[in-house]
Each structure stands twice: as C-alpha cells, then as structure tokens.
C-alpha cells in the first residue's frame, strides 16, 4: 500500500504530524529515583515498588512506564552524583525517594538538605514535575536530629513546587508483618501498602507531566 494512502487512512495528510490523540497515546515515563526501597531489595523479580506502582496505575487506566532508578545503599550524595546519568532515561516526571540511608547513617541533615535541594534544582531546570516521597529520621537519633531531618522534605517540596508524599513507609515502618527479617525493607505485602498510599498522589503527577 502506498505511503500516502496509509496516511490518509490514519486521518493524516502527507507530511503532517500525528495529532493530539496520537501524542496522548504515548505512555508517561516516570523515573523512580531512590535507594533500596525503590530498587526492590530482597523482593522477587517484578515485585519492587516501581513494578507494583506501574501495574496499579495501568489497572486504573493510566498509560505509564515507571523506570526503576533505585540503587541499594544510595545516599542523597550518591543520588546527586548519578542524577544526570539517570536522566538519560528521558523521563517525563520523577518520583524522588532518597534520604533513608542518610538517616540510618546519621548524616548531618544540612548535608542531606543541600543534596536534595541540588537534585530538585536540576529537575526544575528541566521542567520535570516531581513527587517527593519523604522520610522520617530513625527515633534513636534523638528529637533534635529528627526535627531537622523530618523538616527537609516538606520544606524542599514547598520551595520547588513539588508534590509531597510525607512518608514513603507510611503504614509499613515498624510493622513486622509488612517487613523483611531485617525490619527495614518491606516485603511484598508492605510494598502493596506503600503503593496504595502513594497512588492518589501519582495521578496528579501524571497530569502535570501530560500538560
């Protein structure tokens, strides 16, 4: 069949570009940028947070691809160092889920704040919508450390106009039945709780990416 006839059957004239409907059919590509909680540490293949989130979004009717850019053990400094490399995935939006390892290692909250601020600044330069998945400091580090650490995520989300999900492990942290034997990483049931909690916040992120 001649190329011109194919274009006419598709409702296009030769040399024309696909219209809005065709553009909307392309999946929104979301970069899940995090640590072992994103990478899926200790979980079977296909059961990581990004995998399960993508499945839930598709079931809800969203055309979306979640790219797993989680690196186990990564701190905010490590994330900042590999940010440009990860952005080669050409995402339309980003879920930023770093900071847990900073808290576990007792890293100065000022350092964590500066790293996340630099990451969000870079994403802002690229006009990428961001969902900040926050983290709470381990309670054994004391109330002052916790106050400084916990304030980082809402402060930076507000500064950079990002959507905030206050605590990635909401409903999962400190729940033995929802965590692996180490008490830190969620099991499959825990991942299901995480996805259920964050899902309402991801829909607006996808709409922002489409617009």
C-alpha atoms as a PDB file:
ATOM      1  CA  UNK A   1       0.000   0.000   0.000  1.00  0.00           C
ATOM      2  CA  UNK A   2       1.328   3.437  -0.920  1.00  0.00           C
ATOM      3  CA  UNK A   3       2.580   5.535   1.963  1.00  0.00           C
ATOM      4  CA  UNK A   4       0.199   8.390   1.081  1.00  0.00           C
ATOM      5  CA  UNK A   5      -2.818   6.078   1.234  1.00  0.00           C
ATOM      6  CA  UNK A   6      -1.730   4.784   4.649  1.00  0.00           C
ATOM      7  CA  UNK A   7      -1.534   8.360   5.933  1.00  0.00           C
ATOM      8  CA  UNK A   8      -4.991   9.163   4.548  1.00  0.00           C
ATOM      9  CA  UNK A   9      -6.473   6.100   6.263  1.00  0.00           C
ATOM     10  CA  UNK A  10      -4.946   7.338   9.523  1.00  0.00           C
ATOM     11  CA  UNK A  11      -6.579  10.715   9.041  1.00  0.00           C
ATOM     12  CA  UNK A  12      -3.320  12.464   8.161  1.00  0.00           C
ATOM     13  CA  UNK A  13      -2.117  14.275   5.104  1.00  0.00           C
ATOM     14  CA  UNK A  14       1.361  13.551   3.761  1.00  0.00           C
ATOM     15  CA  UNK A  15       3.944  15.482   5.778  1.00  0.00           C
ATOM     16  CA  UNK A  16       1.571  16.040   8.697  1.00  0.00           C
ATOM     17  CA  UNK A  17       2.473  15.168  12.260  1.00  0.00           C
ATOM     18  CA  UNK A  18       0.331  12.947  14.491  1.00  0.00           C
ATOM     19  CA  UNK A  19      -2.377  14.930  16.266  1.00  0.00           C
ATOM     20  CA  UNK A  20      -3.024  15.300  19.998  1.00  0.00           C
ATOM     21  CA  UNK A  21      -4.758  11.933  20.293  1.00  0.00           C
ATOM     22  CA  UNK A  22      -1.699  10.123  18.978  1.00  0.00           C
ATOM     23  CA  UNK A  23       0.592  12.077  21.291  1.00  0.00           C
ATOM     24  CA  UNK A  24      -1.607  11.230  24.304  1.00  0.00           C
ATOM     25  CA  UNK A  25      -1.298   7.541  23.491  1.00  0.00           C
ATOM     26  CA  UNK A  26       2.404   7.586  24.367  1.00  0.00           C
ATOM     27  CA  UNK A  27       2.985   6.371  27.948  1.00  0.00           C
ATOM     28  CA  UNK A  28       4.115   8.898  30.524  1.00  0.00           C
ATOM     29  CA  UNK A  29       7.628   7.898  31.548  1.00  0.00           C
ATOM     30  CA  UNK A  30       8.276   8.305  35.286  1.00  0.00           C
ATOM     31  CA  UNK A  31      11.723   7.949  36.837  1.00  0.00           C
ATOM     32  CA  UNK A  32      11.576   6.366  40.309  1.00  0.00           C
ATOM     33  CA  UNK A  33      14.808   7.752  41.713  1.00  0.00           C
ATOM     34  CA  UNK A  34      15.723   6.215  45.036  1.00  0.00           C
ATOM     35  CA  UNK A  35      17.596   3.638  47.076  1.00  0.00           C
ATOM     36  CA  UNK A  36      16.959   0.010  48.086  1.00  0.00           C
ATOM     37  CA  UNK A  37      13.323   0.801  48.899  1.00  0.00           C
ATOM     38  CA  UNK A  38      12.931   1.648  45.216  1.00  0.00           C
ATOM     39  CA  UNK A  39      15.322  -0.965  43.827  1.00  0.00           C
ATOM     40  CA  UNK A  40      13.318  -3.791  45.405  1.00  0.00           C
ATOM     41  CA  UNK A  41      15.931  -5.187  47.794  1.00  0.00           C
ATOM     42  CA  UNK A  42      15.085  -8.753  48.832  1.00  0.00           C
ATOM     43  CA  UNK A  43      11.989  -8.971  46.648  1.00  0.00           C
ATOM     44  CA  UNK A  44      11.253 -11.342  43.751  1.00  0.00           C
ATOM     45  CA  UNK A  45      11.580 -10.007  40.227  1.00  0.00           C
ATOM     46  CA  UNK A  46       8.616  -7.864  39.265  1.00  0.00           C
ATOM     47  CA  UNK A  47       7.623  -7.119  42.871  1.00  0.00           C
ATOM     48  CA  UNK A  48       9.528  -3.889  43.509  1.00  0.00           C
ATOM     49  CA  UNK A  49       7.740  -0.657  44.371  1.00  0.00           C
ATOM     50  CA  UNK A  50       8.117   0.743  40.810  1.00  0.00           C
ATOM     51  CA  UNK A  51       6.852  -2.519  39.265  1.00  0.00           C
ATOM     52  CA  UNK A  52       3.808  -2.685  41.506  1.00  0.00           C
ATOM     53  CA  UNK A  53       3.087   1.025  41.113  1.00  0.00           C
ATOM     54  CA  UNK A  54       3.159   0.766  37.333  1.00  0.00           C
ATOM     55  CA  UNK A  55       0.786  -2.213  37.442  1.00  0.00           C
ATOM     56  CA  UNK A  56      -1.630  -0.360  39.732  1.00  0.00           C
ATOM     57  CA  UNK A  57      -1.581   2.758  37.558  1.00  0.00           C
ATOM     58  CA  UNK A  58      -2.179   0.748  34.401  1.00  0.00           C
ATOM     59  CA  UNK A  59      -5.049  -1.069  36.088  1.00  0.00           C
ATOM     60  CA  UNK A  60      -6.509   2.355  36.873  1.00  0.00           C
ATOM     61  CA  UNK A  61      -6.337   3.251  33.184  1.00  0.00           C
ATOM     62  CA  UNK A  62      -3.119   5.284  33.059  1.00  0.00           C
ATOM     63  CA  UNK A  63      -0.687   4.818  30.180  1.00  0.00           C
ATOM     64  CA  UNK A  64       2.544   4.930  32.166  1.00  0.00           C
ATOM     65  CA  UNK A  65       6.011   3.418  32.369  1.00  0.00           C
ATOM     66  CA  UNK A  66       7.861   3.535  35.690  1.00  0.00           C
ATOM     67  CA  UNK A  67      11.642   3.344  35.283  1.00  0.00           C
ATOM     68  CA  UNK A  68      13.332   1.784  38.318  1.00  0.00           C
ATOM     69  CA  UNK A  69      16.317   4.009  39.113  1.00  0.00           C
ATOM     70  CA  UNK A  70      16.835   2.698  42.627  1.00  0.00           C
ATOM     71  CA  UNK A  71      20.333   1.843  43.873  1.00  0.00           C
ATOM     72  CA  UNK A  72      20.617  -0.098  47.111  1.00  0.00           C
ATOM     73  CA  UNK A  73      22.616   1.748  49.757  1.00  0.00           C
ATOM     74  CA  UNK A  74      22.440   5.061  47.942  1.00  0.00           C
ATOM     75  CA  UNK A  75      22.511   8.305  49.903  1.00  0.00           C
ATOM     76  CA  UNK A  76      21.402  11.706  48.687  1.00  0.00           C
ATOM     77  CA  UNK A  77      25.044  12.392  47.790  1.00  0.00           C
ATOM     78  CA  UNK A  78      25.140   9.262  45.650  1.00  0.00           C
ATOM     79  CA  UNK A  79      21.886  10.245  44.007  1.00  0.00           C
ATOM     80  CA  UNK A  80      23.170  13.692  43.170  1.00  0.00           C
ATOM     81  CA  UNK A  81      26.327  12.187  41.663  1.00  0.00           C
ATOM     82  CA  UNK A  82      24.366   9.897  39.327  1.00  0.00           C
ATOM     83  CA  UNK A  83      21.462  12.201  38.538  1.00  0.00           C
ATOM     84  CA  UNK A  84      22.474  13.256  35.033  1.00  0.00           C
ATOM     85  CA  UNK A  85      23.255   9.648  34.126  1.00  0.00           C
ATOM     86  CA  UNK A  86      19.784   8.593  35.302  1.00  0.00           C
ATOM     87  CA  UNK A  87      18.149  11.420  33.376  1.00  0.00           C
ATOM     88  CA  UNK A  88      19.408   9.798  30.185  1.00  0.00           C
ATOM     89  CA  UNK A  89      16.237   7.682  30.555  1.00  0.00           C
ATOM     90  CA  UNK A  90      14.426  10.833  29.356  1.00  0.00           C
ATOM     91  CA  UNK A  91      11.623  10.834  31.914  1.00  0.00           C
ATOM     92  CA  UNK A  92       8.506  12.993  31.794  1.00  0.00           C
ATOM     93  CA  UNK A  93       8.278  13.128  35.600  1.00  0.00           C
ATOM     94  CA  UNK A  94      10.227  11.978  38.663  1.00  0.00           C
ATOM     95  CA  UNK A  95       9.428  10.331  41.986  1.00  0.00           C
ATOM     96  CA  UNK A  96      12.271  11.376  44.290  1.00  0.00           C
ATOM     97  CA  UNK A  97      12.661   8.831  47.102  1.00  0.00           C
ATOM     98  CA  UNK A  98      16.086   9.412  48.617  1.00  0.00           C
ATOM     99  CA  UNK A  99      17.115  10.129  52.197  1.00  0.00           C
ATOM    100  CA  UNK A 100      16.507   6.900  54.111  1.00  0.00           C
ATOM    101  CA  UNK A 101      20.183   5.948  54.152  1.00  0.00           C
ATOM    102  CA  UNK A 102      21.188   9.451  55.213  1.00  0.00           C
ATOM    103  CA  UNK A 103      19.012   8.999  58.267  1.00  0.00           C
ATOM    104  CA  UNK A 104      20.253   5.499  59.012  1.00  0.00           C
ATOM    105  CA  UNK A 105      23.854   6.737  58.855  1.00  0.00           C
ATOM    106  CA  UNK A 106      23.183   9.860  60.914  1.00  0.00           C
ATOM    107  CA  UNK A 107      24.388  12.174  58.139  1.00  0.00           C
ATOM    108  CA  UNK A 108      24.128  15.865  59.008  1.00  0.00           C
ATOM    109  CA  UNK A 109      20.647  16.994  57.917  1.00  0.00           C
ATOM    110  CA  UNK A 110      22.175  20.142  56.420  1.00  0.00           C
ATOM    111  CA  UNK A 111      24.107  17.911  54.016  1.00  0.00           C
ATOM    112  CA  UNK A 112      21.010  15.902  53.136  1.00  0.00           C
ATOM    113  CA  UNK A 113      19.059  19.110  52.565  1.00  0.00           C
ATOM    114  CA  UNK A 114      21.758  20.563  50.288  1.00  0.00           C
ATOM    115  CA  UNK A 115      21.933  17.396  48.179  1.00  0.00           C
ATOM    116  CA  UNK A 116      18.176  17.139  47.731  1.00  0.00           C
ATOM    117  CA  UNK A 117      17.953  20.851  47.006  1.00  0.00           C
ATOM    118  CA  UNK A 118      20.541  20.447  44.240  1.00  0.00           C
ATOM    119  CA  UNK A 119      18.657  17.461  42.786  1.00  0.00           C
ATOM    120  CA  UNK A 120      15.361  19.339  42.780  1.00  0.00           C
ATOM    121  CA  UNK A 121      17.010  22.411  41.271  1.00  0.00           C
ATOM    122  CA  UNK A 122      18.333  20.332  38.400  1.00  0.00           C
ATOM    123  CA  UNK A 123      14.934  18.692  37.823  1.00  0.00           C
ATOM    124  CA  UNK A 124      13.338  22.129  37.883  1.00  0.00           C
ATOM    125  CA  UNK A 125      15.742  23.358  35.218  1.00  0.00           C
ATOM    126  CA  UNK A 126      14.383  20.569  33.017  1.00  0.00           C
ATOM    127  CA  UNK A 127      10.754  21.439  33.863  1.00  0.00           C
ATOM    128  CA  UNK A 128      10.136  17.932  35.189  1.00  0.00           C
ATOM    129  CA  UNK A 129       7.208  17.516  37.601  1.00  0.00           C
ATOM    130  CA  UNK A 130       8.386  15.877  40.835  1.00  0.00           C
ATOM    131  CA  UNK A 131       6.737  13.891  43.595  1.00  0.00           C
ATOM    132  CA  UNK A 132       8.893  13.999  46.741  1.00  0.00           C
ATOM    133  CA  UNK A 133       8.490  10.808  48.764  1.00  0.00           C
ATOM    134  CA  UNK A 134       9.570  11.907  52.214  1.00  0.00           C
ATOM    135  CA  UNK A 135      11.288  10.007  55.001  1.00  0.00           C
ATOM    136  CA  UNK A 136      11.364  10.258  58.793  1.00  0.00           C
ATOM    137  CA  UNK A 137      14.543  10.015  60.849  1.00  0.00           C
ATOM    138  CA  UNK A 138      15.116   6.914  62.986  1.00  0.00           C
ATOM    139  CA  UNK A 139      13.904   7.733  66.526  1.00  0.00           C
ATOM    140  CA  UNK A 140      17.173   6.573  68.134  1.00  0.00           C
ATOM    141  CA  UNK A 141      18.941   9.652  66.720  1.00  0.00           C
ATOM    142  CA  UNK A 142      17.074  11.906  69.113  1.00  0.00           C
ATOM    143  CA  UNK A 143      14.405  14.602  68.816  1.00  0.00           C
ATOM    144  CA  UNK A 144      16.676  17.399  67.608  1.00  0.00           C
ATOM    145  CA  UNK A 145      18.096  15.340  64.744  1.00  0.00           C
ATOM    146  CA  UNK A 146      14.572  14.160  63.925  1.00  0.00           C
ATOM    147  CA  UNK A 147      13.209  17.710  63.862  1.00  0.00           C
ATOM    148  CA  UNK A 148      15.901  18.895  61.461  1.00  0.00           C
ATOM    149  CA  UNK A 149      15.758  15.819  59.240  1.00  0.00           C
ATOM    150  CA  UNK A 150      11.985  15.495  59.017  1.00  0.00           C
ATOM    151  CA  UNK A 151      11.589  19.152  58.010  1.00  0.00           C
ATOM    152  CA  UNK A 152      13.752  18.704  54.905  1.00  0.00           C
ATOM    153  CA  UNK A 153      11.148  17.084  52.677  1.00  0.00           C
ATOM    154  CA  UNK A 154       8.152  19.408  53.191  1.00  0.00           C
ATOM    155  CA  UNK A 155      10.443  22.448  53.104  1.00  0.00           C
ATOM    156  CA  UNK A 156      12.024  21.495  49.785  1.00  0.00           C
ATOM    157  CA  UNK A 157       8.771  20.345  48.201  1.00  0.00           C
ATOM    158  CA  UNK A 158       7.298  23.747  49.013  1.00  0.00           C
ATOM    159  CA  UNK A 159      10.387  25.607  47.773  1.00  0.00           C
ATOM    160  CA  UNK A 160      10.462  23.794  44.440  1.00  0.00           C
ATOM    161  CA  UNK A 161       6.720  23.483  43.849  1.00  0.00           C
ATOM    162  CA  UNK A 162       6.850  19.691  44.039  1.00  0.00           C
ATOM    163  CA  UNK A 163       4.091  17.358  45.220  1.00  0.00           C
ATOM    164  CA  UNK A 164       4.798  15.858  48.651  1.00  0.00           C
ATOM    165  CA  UNK A 165       4.020  12.395  49.956  1.00  0.00           C
ATOM    166  CA  UNK A 166       5.215  12.911  53.543  1.00  0.00           C
ATOM    167  CA  UNK A 167       6.444   9.393  54.399  1.00  0.00           C
ATOM    168  CA  UNK A 168       7.186   6.677  51.854  1.00  0.00           C
ATOM    169  CA  UNK A 169       6.899   3.945  54.513  1.00  0.00           C
ATOM    170  CA  UNK A 170       3.570   5.182  55.918  1.00  0.00           C
ATOM    171  CA  UNK A 171       1.724   2.210  57.433  1.00  0.00           C
ATOM    172  CA  UNK A 172       4.729  -0.081  56.899  1.00  0.00           C
ATOM    173  CA  UNK A 173       7.537   1.131  59.167  1.00  0.00           C
ATOM    174  CA  UNK A 174       7.792  -0.780  62.440  1.00  0.00           C
ATOM    175  CA  UNK A 175       5.178  -3.325  61.292  1.00  0.00           C
ATOM    176  CA  UNK A 176       6.864  -6.763  61.435  1.00  0.00           C
ATOM    177  CA  UNK A 177       4.256  -8.443  59.224  1.00  0.00           C
ATOM    178  CA  UNK A 178       4.957  -5.942  56.431  1.00  0.00           C
ATOM    179  CA  UNK A 179       8.764  -6.046  56.529  1.00  0.00           C
ATOM    180  CA  UNK A 180      11.520  -8.489  55.743  1.00  0.00           C
ATOM    181  CA  UNK A 181      13.575 -10.069  58.506  1.00  0.00           C
ATOM    182  CA  UNK A 182      15.846  -7.025  58.725  1.00  0.00           C
ATOM    183  CA  UNK A 183      12.920  -4.901  59.869  1.00  0.00           C
ATOM    184  CA  UNK A 184      13.860  -2.185  57.366  1.00  0.00           C
ATOM    185  CA  UNK A 185      12.877  -3.318  53.893  1.00  0.00           C
ATOM    186  CA  UNK A 186       9.221  -4.005  53.046  1.00  0.00           C
ATOM    187  CA  UNK A 187       8.099  -7.450  51.945  1.00  0.00           C
ATOM    188  CA  UNK A 188       5.550  -7.924  49.174  1.00  0.00           C
ATOM    189  CA  UNK A 189       2.651  -7.121  51.495  1.00  0.00           C
ATOM    190  CA  UNK A 190       4.488  -3.990  52.621  1.00  0.00           C
ATOM    191  CA  UNK A 191       5.021  -2.865  49.036  1.00  0.00           C
ATOM    192  CA  UNK A 192       1.283  -3.246  48.441  1.00  0.00           C
ATOM    193  CA  UNK A 193       0.623  -0.854  51.347  1.00  0.00           C
ATOM    194  CA  UNK A 194       3.167   1.650  50.000  1.00  0.00           C
ATOM    195  CA  UNK A 195       1.591   1.586  46.543  1.00  0.00           C
ATOM    196  CA  UNK A 196      -1.908   2.019  47.959  1.00  0.00           C
ATOM    197  CA  UNK A 197      -0.788   5.022  49.998  1.00  0.00           C
ATOM    198  CA  UNK A 198       1.143   6.868  47.325  1.00  0.00           C
ATOM    199  CA  UNK A 199      -1.168   6.096  44.399  1.00  0.00           C
ATOM    200  CA  UNK A 200      -3.526   9.091  44.833  1.00  0.00           C
ATOM    201  CA  UNK A 201      -0.507  11.410  44.735  1.00  0.00           C
ATOM    202  CA  UNK A 202       0.856   9.952  41.494  1.00  0.00           C
ATOM    203  CA  UNK A 203      -2.249  10.698  39.418  1.00  0.00           C
ATOM    204  CA  UNK A 204      -1.714  14.484  39.633  1.00  0.00           C
ATOM    205  CA  UNK A 205       1.973  13.947  38.813  1.00  0.00           C
ATOM    206  CA  UNK A 206       0.974  12.208  35.567  1.00  0.00           C
ATOM    207  CA  UNK A 207      -1.453  15.003  34.715  1.00  0.00           C
ATOM    208  CA  UNK A 208       1.292  17.571  35.267  1.00  0.00           C
ATOM    209  CA  UNK A 209       3.616  15.587  33.002  1.00  0.00           C
ATOM    210  CA  UNK A 210       0.984  15.430  30.238  1.00  0.00           C
ATOM    211  CA  UNK A 211       0.333  19.146  30.390  1.00  0.00           C
END
